[in-house]
């Protein structure tokens, strides 16, 4: 799985650096280093007034915040990994 986090100026202002740290920690905590590649990406073109844009493989999610990270991780990332297994 490839997770790309927008680090363009709008997303950077909205917390992309904190979100990257949360992804790094979750990937390590869940021992998913062999299953997930985490990358930064310049503007994905889906700027949102709230939160950061995150692309998971070919699917784009907008409005992800450090505060909503846990729900996004559990309901999107872990579920997607389960269906791929």
PDB file of N, CA and C in Angstrom:
ATOM      1  N   UNK A   1       0.847  -1.166   0.000  1.00  0.00           N
ATOM      2  CA  UNK A   1       0.000   0.000   0.000  1.00  0.00           C
ATOM      3  C   UNK A   1       0.897   1.234   0.000  1.00  0.00           C
ATOM      4  N   UNK A   2       0.540   2.194  -0.843  1.00  0.00           N
ATOM      5  CA  UNK A   2       1.260   3.463  -0.904  1.00  0.00           C
ATOM      6  C   UNK A   2       0.368   4.550  -0.334  1.00  0.00           C
ATOM      7  N   UNK A   3       0.850   5.225   0.710  1.00  0.00           N
ATOM      8  CA  UNK A   3       0.141   6.346   1.312  1.00  0.00           C
ATOM      9  C   UNK A   3       0.957   7.596   1.022  1.00  0.00           C
ATOM     10  N   UNK A   4       0.342   8.545   0.304  1.00  0.00           N
ATOM     11  CA  UNK A   4       0.994   9.805  -0.010  1.00  0.00           C
ATOM     12  C   UNK A   4       0.273  10.931   0.720  1.00  0.00           C
ATOM     13  N   UNK A   5       1.028  11.719   1.447  1.00  0.00           N
ATOM     14  CA  UNK A   5       0.473  12.831   2.199  1.00  0.00           C
ATOM     15  C   UNK A   5       0.901  14.118   1.520  1.00  0.00           C
ATOM     16  N   UNK A   6      -0.080  14.966   1.225  1.00  0.00           N
ATOM     17  CA  UNK A   6       0.220  16.231   0.576  1.00  0.00           C
ATOM     18  C   UNK A   6       1.050  17.103   1.511  1.00  0.00           C
ATOM     19  N   UNK A   7       2.141  17.636   0.980  1.00  0.00           N
ATOM     20  CA  UNK A   7       2.980  18.563   1.735  1.00  0.00           C
ATOM     21  C   UNK A   7       3.039  19.913   1.029  1.00  0.00           C
ATOM     22  N   UNK A   8       2.066  20.150   0.153  1.00  0.00           N
ATOM     23  CA  UNK A   8       1.956  21.454  -0.489  1.00  0.00           C
ATOM     24  C   UNK A   8       1.655  22.510   0.557  1.00  0.00           C
ATOM     25  N   UNK A   9       1.754  23.773   0.186  1.00  0.00           N
ATOM     26  CA  UNK A   9       1.641  24.848   1.170  1.00  0.00           C
ATOM     27  C   UNK A   9       0.321  24.832   1.933  1.00  0.00           C
ATOM     28  N   UNK A  10      -0.807  24.615   1.264  1.00  0.00           N
ATOM     29  CA  UNK A  10      -2.101  24.623   1.969  1.00  0.00           C
ATOM     30  C   UNK A  10      -2.172  23.487   2.986  1.00  0.00           C
ATOM     31  N   UNK A  11      -1.757  22.289   2.596  1.00  0.00           N
ATOM     32  CA  UNK A  11      -1.809  21.151   3.521  1.00  0.00           C
ATOM     33  C   UNK A  11      -0.771  21.278   4.625  1.00  0.00           C
ATOM     34  N   UNK A  12       0.356  21.869   4.309  1.00  0.00           N
ATOM     35  CA  UNK A  12       1.385  22.080   5.330  1.00  0.00           C
ATOM     36  C   UNK A  12       0.839  22.980   6.436  1.00  0.00           C
ATOM     37  N   UNK A  13       0.147  24.038   6.041  1.00  0.00           N
ATOM     38  CA  UNK A  13      -0.456  24.943   7.016  1.00  0.00           C
ATOM     39  C   UNK A  13      -1.501  24.218   7.850  1.00  0.00           C
ATOM     40  N   UNK A  14      -2.170  23.226   7.263  1.00  0.00           N
ATOM     41  CA  UNK A  14      -3.258  22.515   7.936  1.00  0.00           C
ATOM     42  C   UNK A  14      -2.791  21.281   8.716  1.00  0.00           C
ATOM     43  N   UNK A  15      -1.490  21.085   8.839  1.00  0.00           N
ATOM     44  CA  UNK A  15      -1.001  20.040   9.726  1.00  0.00           C
ATOM     45  C   UNK A  15      -0.402  18.804   9.106  1.00  0.00           C
ATOM     46  N   UNK A  16       0.057  18.878   7.852  1.00  0.00           N
ATOM     47  CA  UNK A  16       0.602  17.676   7.224  1.00  0.00           C
ATOM     48  C   UNK A  16       1.815  17.115   7.974  1.00  0.00           C
ATOM     49  N   UNK A  17       2.638  17.975   8.553  1.00  0.00           N
ATOM     50  CA  UNK A  17       3.812  17.478   9.276  1.00  0.00           C
ATOM     51  C   UNK A  17       3.394  16.647  10.493  1.00  0.00           C
ATOM     52  N   UNK A  18       2.406  17.126  11.235  1.00  0.00           N
ATOM     53  CA  UNK A  18       1.917  16.360  12.392  1.00  0.00           C
ATOM     54  C   UNK A  18       1.261  15.063  11.937  1.00  0.00           C
ATOM     55  N   UNK A  19       0.570  15.105  10.805  1.00  0.00           N
ATOM     56  CA  UNK A  19      -0.080  13.909  10.277  1.00  0.00           C
ATOM     57  C   UNK A  19       0.958  12.869   9.847  1.00  0.00           C
ATOM     58  N   UNK A  20       2.034  13.318   9.241  1.00  0.00           N
ATOM     59  CA  UNK A  20       3.114  12.408   8.842  1.00  0.00           C
ATOM     60  C   UNK A  20       3.670  11.697  10.072  1.00  0.00           C
ATOM     61  N   UNK A  21       3.884  12.433  11.143  1.00  0.00           N
ATOM     62  CA  UNK A  21       4.391  11.819  12.376  1.00  0.00           C
ATOM     63  C   UNK A  21       3.417  10.779  12.915  1.00  0.00           C
ATOM     64  N   UNK A  22       2.136  11.057  12.844  1.00  0.00           N
ATOM     65  CA  UNK A  22       1.136  10.092  13.309  1.00  0.00           C
ATOM     66  C   UNK A  22       1.151   8.829  12.436  1.00  0.00           C
ATOM     67  N   UNK A  23       1.274   8.995  11.120  1.00  0.00           N
ATOM     68  CA  UNK A  23       1.366   7.833  10.230  1.00  0.00           C
ATOM     69  C   UNK A  23       2.616   7.019  10.541  1.00  0.00           C
ATOM     70  N   UNK A  24       3.755   7.671  10.707  1.00  0.00           N
ATOM     71  CA  UNK A  24       5.001   6.956  11.013  1.00  0.00           C
ATOM     72  C   UNK A  24       4.858   6.132  12.286  1.00  0.00           C
ATOM     73  N   UNK A  25       4.275   6.741  13.316  1.00  0.00           N
ATOM     74  CA  UNK A  25       4.115   6.046  14.590  1.00  0.00           C
ATOM     75  C   UNK A  25       3.156   4.864  14.449  1.00  0.00           C
ATOM     76  N   UNK A  26       2.033   5.060  13.779  1.00  0.00           N
ATOM     77  CA  UNK A  26       1.058   3.978  13.615  1.00  0.00           C
ATOM     78  C   UNK A  26       1.643   2.827  12.795  1.00  0.00           C
ATOM     79  N   UNK A  27       2.362   3.156  11.748  1.00  0.00           N
ATOM     80  CA  UNK A  27       2.982   2.110  10.922  1.00  0.00           C
ATOM     81  C   UNK A  27       3.945   1.287  11.770  1.00  0.00           C
ATOM     82  N   UNK A  28       4.740   1.949  12.592  1.00  0.00           N
ATOM     83  CA  UNK A  28       5.684   1.235  13.466  1.00  0.00           C
ATOM     84  C   UNK A  28       4.948   0.462  14.559  1.00  0.00           C
ATOM     85  N   UNK A  29       3.954   1.100  15.196  1.00  0.00           N
ATOM     86  CA  UNK A  29       3.216   0.442  16.281  1.00  0.00           C
ATOM     87  C   UNK A  29       2.489  -0.815  15.814  1.00  0.00           C
ATOM     88  N   UNK A  30       2.007  -0.796  14.586  1.00  0.00           N
ATOM     89  CA  UNK A  30       1.264  -1.943  14.042  1.00  0.00           C
ATOM     90  C   UNK A  30       2.159  -2.878  13.224  1.00  0.00           C
ATOM     91  N   UNK A  31       3.474  -2.607  13.201  1.00  0.00           N
ATOM     92  CA  UNK A  31       4.436  -3.430  12.458  1.00  0.00           C
ATOM     93  C   UNK A  31       4.035  -3.587  10.997  1.00  0.00           C
ATOM     94  N   UNK A  32       3.705  -2.475  10.350  1.00  0.00           N
ATOM     95  CA  UNK A  32       3.255  -2.497   8.952  1.00  0.00           C
ATOM     96  C   UNK A  32       4.317  -1.959   7.993  1.00  0.00           C
ATOM     97  N   UNK A  33       5.572  -1.890   8.451  1.00  0.00           N
ATOM     98  CA  UNK A  33       6.636  -1.349   7.623  1.00  0.00           C
ATOM     99  C   UNK A  33       6.789  -2.089   6.298  1.00  0.00           C
ATOM    100  N   UNK A  34       6.517  -3.396   6.279  1.00  0.00           N
ATOM    101  CA  UNK A  34       6.655  -4.179   5.056  1.00  0.00           C
ATOM    102  C   UNK A  34       5.435  -4.071   4.149  1.00  0.00           C
ATOM    103  N   UNK A  35       4.334  -3.518   4.674  1.00  0.00           N
ATOM    104  CA  UNK A  35       3.096  -3.445   3.902  1.00  0.00           C
ATOM    105  C   UNK A  35       2.757  -2.040   3.426  1.00  0.00           C
ATOM    106  N   UNK A  36       3.323  -1.022   4.074  1.00  0.00           N
ATOM    107  CA  UNK A  36       2.966   0.362   3.765  1.00  0.00           C
ATOM    108  C   UNK A  36       4.206   1.160   3.414  1.00  0.00           C
ATOM    109  N   UNK A  37       4.120   1.895   2.306  1.00  0.00           N
ATOM    110  CA  UNK A  37       5.133   2.867   1.938  1.00  0.00           C
ATOM    111  C   UNK A  37       4.519   4.233   2.161  1.00  0.00           C
ATOM    112  N   UNK A  38       5.180   5.061   2.942  1.00  0.00           N
ATOM    113  CA  UNK A  38       4.710   6.404   3.261  1.00  0.00           C
ATOM    114  C   UNK A  38       5.548   7.409   2.483  1.00  0.00           C
ATOM    115  N   UNK A  39       4.878   8.329   1.795  1.00  0.00           N
ATOM    116  CA  UNK A  39       5.598   9.308   0.986  1.00  0.00           C
ATOM    117  C   UNK A  39       4.916  10.665   1.066  1.00  0.00           C
ATOM    118  N   UNK A  40       5.694  11.699   0.878  1.00  0.00           N
ATOM    119  CA  UNK A  40       5.142  13.042   0.747  1.00  0.00           C
ATOM    120  C   UNK A  40       4.822  13.288  -0.710  1.00  0.00           C
ATOM    121  N   UNK A  41       3.888  14.167  -0.958  1.00  0.00           N
ATOM    122  CA  UNK A  41       3.503  14.502  -2.323  1.00  0.00           C
ATOM    123  C   UNK A  41       3.178  15.981  -2.379  1.00  0.00           C
ATOM    124  N   UNK A  42       3.624  16.635  -3.435  1.00  0.00           N
ATOM    125  CA  UNK A  42       3.194  18.022  -3.588  1.00  0.00           C
ATOM    126  C   UNK A  42       1.747  18.011  -4.036  1.00  0.00           C
ATOM    127  N   UNK A  43       1.126  19.127  -4.152  1.00  0.00           N
ATOM    128  CA  UNK A  43      -0.316  19.271  -4.297  1.00  0.00           C
ATOM    129  C   UNK A  43      -0.959  18.149  -5.117  1.00  0.00           C
ATOM    130  N   UNK A  44      -1.927  17.496  -4.495  1.00  0.00           N
ATOM    131  CA  UNK A  44      -2.672  16.415  -5.140  1.00  0.00           C
ATOM    132  C   UNK A  44      -3.862  16.996  -5.905  1.00  0.00           C
ATOM    133  N   UNK A  45      -4.155  18.271  -5.676  1.00  0.00           N
ATOM    134  CA  UNK A  45      -5.189  18.951  -6.435  1.00  0.00           C
ATOM    135  C   UNK A  45      -6.581  18.864  -5.833  1.00  0.00           C
ATOM    136  N   UNK A  46      -6.671  18.489  -4.580  1.00  0.00           N
ATOM    137  CA  UNK A  46      -7.966  18.377  -3.908  1.00  0.00           C
ATOM    138  C   UNK A  46      -7.958  19.216  -2.639  1.00  0.00           C
ATOM    139  N   UNK A  47      -7.460  20.419  -2.738  1.00  0.00           N
ATOM    140  CA  UNK A  47      -7.359  21.274  -1.551  1.00  0.00           C
ATOM    141  C   UNK A  47      -8.713  21.401  -0.861  1.00  0.00           C
ATOM    142  N   UNK A  48      -8.681  21.343   0.445  1.00  0.00           N
ATOM    143  CA  UNK A  48      -9.870  21.373   1.273  1.00  0.00           C
ATOM    144  C   UNK A  48      -9.663  22.454   2.320  1.00  0.00           C
ATOM    145  N   UNK A  49     -10.724  23.048   2.775  1.00  0.00           N
ATOM    146  CA  UNK A  49     -10.581  24.087   3.785  1.00  0.00           C
ATOM    147  C   UNK A  49     -10.197  23.529   5.145  1.00  0.00           C
ATOM    148  N   UNK A  50     -10.458  22.274   5.377  1.00  0.00           N
ATOM    149  CA  UNK A  50     -10.128  21.628   6.652  1.00  0.00           C
ATOM    150  C   UNK A  50      -9.230  20.434   6.377  1.00  0.00           C
ATOM    151  N   UNK A  51      -8.129  20.356   7.062  1.00  0.00           N
ATOM    152  CA  UNK A  51      -7.306  19.163   7.024  1.00  0.00           C
ATOM    153  C   UNK A  51      -6.431  19.015   5.798  1.00  0.00           C
ATOM    154  N   UNK A  52      -5.878  17.825   5.690  1.00  0.00           N
ATOM    155  CA  UNK A  52      -4.850  17.481   4.716  1.00  0.00           C
ATOM    156  C   UNK A  52      -5.406  16.474   3.720  1.00  0.00           C
ATOM    157  N   UNK A  53      -4.901  16.514   2.495  1.00  0.00           N
ATOM    158  CA  UNK A  53      -5.271  15.539   1.477  1.00  0.00           C
ATOM    159  C   UNK A  53      -4.300  14.364   1.551  1.00  0.00           C
ATOM    160  N   UNK A  54      -4.857  13.161   1.560  1.00  0.00           N
ATOM    161  CA  UNK A  54      -4.073  11.930   1.639  1.00  0.00           C
ATOM    162  C   UNK A  54      -4.518  11.011   0.510  1.00  0.00           C
ATOM    163  N   UNK A  55      -3.553  10.465  -0.213  1.00  0.00           N
ATOM    164  CA  UNK A  55      -3.858   9.505  -1.268  1.00  0.00           C
ATOM    165  C   UNK A  55      -3.399   8.128  -0.819  1.00  0.00           C
ATOM    166  N   UNK A  56      -4.314   7.166  -0.859  1.00  0.00           N
ATOM    167  CA  UNK A  56      -4.021   5.785  -0.497  1.00  0.00           C
ATOM    168  C   UNK A  56      -4.179   4.968  -1.772  1.00  0.00           C
ATOM    169  N   UNK A  57      -3.060   4.486  -2.280  1.00  0.00           N
ATOM    170  CA  UNK A  57      -3.014   3.860  -3.605  1.00  0.00           C
ATOM    171  C   UNK A  57      -3.656   4.834  -4.597  1.00  0.00           C
ATOM    172  N   UNK A  58      -4.792   4.498  -5.196  1.00  0.00           N
ATOM    173  CA  UNK A  58      -5.413   5.383  -6.186  1.00  0.00           C
ATOM    174  C   UNK A  58      -6.589   6.181  -5.640  1.00  0.00           C
ATOM    175  N   UNK A  59      -6.858   6.076  -4.354  1.00  0.00           N
ATOM    176  CA  UNK A  59      -8.011   6.734  -3.753  1.00  0.00           C
ATOM    177  C   UNK A  59      -7.570   7.982  -2.974  1.00  0.00           C
ATOM    178  N   UNK A  60      -8.293   9.094  -3.176  1.00  0.00           N
ATOM    179  CA  UNK A  60      -7.944  10.359  -2.541  1.00  0.00           C
ATOM    180  C   UNK A  60      -8.943  10.681  -1.439  1.00  0.00           C
ATOM    181  N   UNK A  61      -8.401  11.082  -0.283  1.00  0.00           N
ATOM    182  CA  UNK A  61      -9.203  11.468   0.879  1.00  0.00           C
ATOM    183  C   UNK A  61      -8.829  12.895   1.245  1.00  0.00           C
ATOM    184  N   UNK A  62      -9.818  13.701   1.568  1.00  0.00           N
ATOM    185  CA  UNK A  62      -9.552  15.083   1.941  1.00  0.00           C
ATOM    186  C   UNK A  62     -10.006  15.337   3.373  1.00  0.00           C
ATOM    187  N   UNK A  63      -9.456  16.387   3.949  1.00  0.00           N
ATOM    188  CA  UNK A  63      -9.897  16.815   5.272  1.00  0.00           C
ATOM    189  C   UNK A  63      -9.394  15.967   6.422  1.00  0.00           C
ATOM    190  N   UNK A  64      -8.305  15.238   6.235  1.00  0.00           N
ATOM    191  CA  UNK A  64      -7.753  14.418   7.314  1.00  0.00           C
ATOM    192  C   UNK A  64      -6.950  15.332   8.240  1.00  0.00           C
ATOM    193  N   UNK A  65      -7.218  15.227   9.528  1.00  0.00           N
ATOM    194  CA  UNK A  65      -6.526  16.056  10.522  1.00  0.00           C
ATOM    195  C   UNK A  65      -5.827  15.153  11.531  1.00  0.00           C
ATOM    196  N   UNK A  66      -4.870  15.703  12.272  1.00  0.00           N
ATOM    197  CA  UNK A  66      -4.267  14.901  13.343  1.00  0.00           C
ATOM    198  C   UNK A  66      -5.322  14.391  14.328  1.00  0.00           C
ATOM    199  N   UNK A  67      -6.365  15.182  14.539  1.00  0.00           N
ATOM    200  CA  UNK A  67      -7.421  14.783  15.465  1.00  0.00           C
ATOM    201  C   UNK A  67      -8.298  13.658  14.905  1.00  0.00           C
ATOM    202  N   UNK A  68      -8.466  13.602  13.596  1.00  0.00           N
ATOM    203  CA  UNK A  68      -9.296  12.548  12.985  1.00  0.00           C
ATOM    204  C   UNK A  68      -8.463  11.363  12.520  1.00  0.00           C
ATOM    205  N   UNK A  69      -7.143  11.423  12.761  1.00  0.00           N
ATOM    206  CA  UNK A  69      -6.244  10.385  12.257  1.00  0.00           C
ATOM    207  C   UNK A  69      -6.627   8.983  12.712  1.00  0.00           C
ATOM    208  N   UNK A  70      -6.895   8.813  13.991  1.00  0.00           N
ATOM    209  CA  UNK A  70      -7.144   7.466  14.527  1.00  0.00           C
ATOM    210  C   UNK A  70      -8.330   6.799  13.831  1.00  0.00           C
ATOM    211  N   UNK A  71      -9.397   7.542  13.628  1.00  0.00           N
ATOM    212  CA  UNK A  71     -10.566   6.997  12.929  1.00  0.00           C
ATOM    213  C   UNK A  71     -10.195   6.656  11.492  1.00  0.00           C
ATOM    214  N   UNK A  72      -9.479   7.550  10.811  1.00  0.00           N
ATOM    215  CA  UNK A  72      -9.050   7.301   9.432  1.00  0.00           C
ATOM    216  C   UNK A  72      -8.165   6.057   9.366  1.00  0.00           C
ATOM    217  N   UNK A  73      -7.219   5.939  10.275  1.00  0.00           N
ATOM    218  CA  UNK A  73      -6.316   4.785  10.310  1.00  0.00           C
ATOM    219  C   UNK A  73      -7.103   3.481  10.472  1.00  0.00           C
ATOM    220  N   UNK A  74      -7.993   3.458  11.463  1.00  0.00           N
ATOM    221  CA  UNK A  74      -8.738   2.229  11.760  1.00  0.00           C
ATOM    222  C   UNK A  74      -9.746   1.876  10.673  1.00  0.00           C
ATOM    223  N   UNK A  75     -10.496   2.869  10.206  1.00  0.00           N
ATOM    224  CA  UNK A  75     -11.593   2.588   9.282  1.00  0.00           C
ATOM    225  C   UNK A  75     -11.178   2.551   7.820  1.00  0.00           C
ATOM    226  N   UNK A  76     -10.048   3.133   7.503  1.00  0.00           N
ATOM    227  CA  UNK A  76      -9.614   3.147   6.104  1.00  0.00           C
ATOM    228  C   UNK A  76      -8.371   2.283   5.897  1.00  0.00           C
ATOM    229  N   UNK A  77      -7.305   2.607   6.582  1.00  0.00           N
ATOM    230  CA  UNK A  77      -6.031   1.927   6.329  1.00  0.00           C
ATOM    231  C   UNK A  77      -6.072   0.471   6.790  1.00  0.00           C
ATOM    232  N   UNK A  78      -6.422   0.226   8.042  1.00  0.00           N
ATOM    233  CA  UNK A  78      -6.423  -1.153   8.536  1.00  0.00           C
ATOM    234  C   UNK A  78      -7.451  -2.018   7.800  1.00  0.00           C
ATOM    235  N   UNK A  79      -8.625  -1.464   7.505  1.00  0.00           N
ATOM    236  CA  UNK A  79      -9.633  -2.245   6.765  1.00  0.00           C
ATOM    237  C   UNK A  79      -9.150  -2.584   5.367  1.00  0.00           C
ATOM    238  N   UNK A  80      -8.491  -1.634   4.709  1.00  0.00           N
ATOM    239  CA  UNK A  80      -7.961  -1.879   3.367  1.00  0.00           C
ATOM    240  C   UNK A  80      -6.877  -2.958   3.405  1.00  0.00           C
ATOM    241  N   UNK A  81      -6.024  -2.918   4.416  1.00  0.00           N
ATOM    242  CA  UNK A  81      -4.994  -3.937   4.556  1.00  0.00           C
ATOM    243  C   UNK A  81      -5.610  -5.321   4.776  1.00  0.00           C
ATOM    244  N   UNK A  82      -6.684  -5.374   5.559  1.00  0.00           N
ATOM    245  CA  UNK A  82      -7.377  -6.655   5.811  1.00  0.00           C
ATOM    246  C   UNK A  82      -7.947  -7.239   4.531  1.00  0.00           C
ATOM    247  N   UNK A  83      -8.531  -6.394   3.672  1.00  0.00           N
ATOM    248  CA  UNK A  83      -9.126  -6.897   2.439  1.00  0.00           C
ATOM    249  C   UNK A  83      -8.070  -7.313   1.424  1.00  0.00           C
ATOM    250  N   UNK A  84      -6.873  -6.740   1.531  1.00  0.00           N
ATOM    251  CA  UNK A  84      -5.783  -7.098   0.618  1.00  0.00           C
ATOM    252  C   UNK A  84      -5.104  -8.393   1.033  1.00  0.00           C
ATOM    253  N   UNK A  85      -5.269  -8.790   2.295  1.00  0.00           N
ATOM    254  CA  UNK A  85      -4.573  -9.983   2.808  1.00  0.00           C
ATOM    255  C   UNK A  85      -5.205 -11.268   2.296  1.00  0.00           C
TER     256      UNK A  85
END
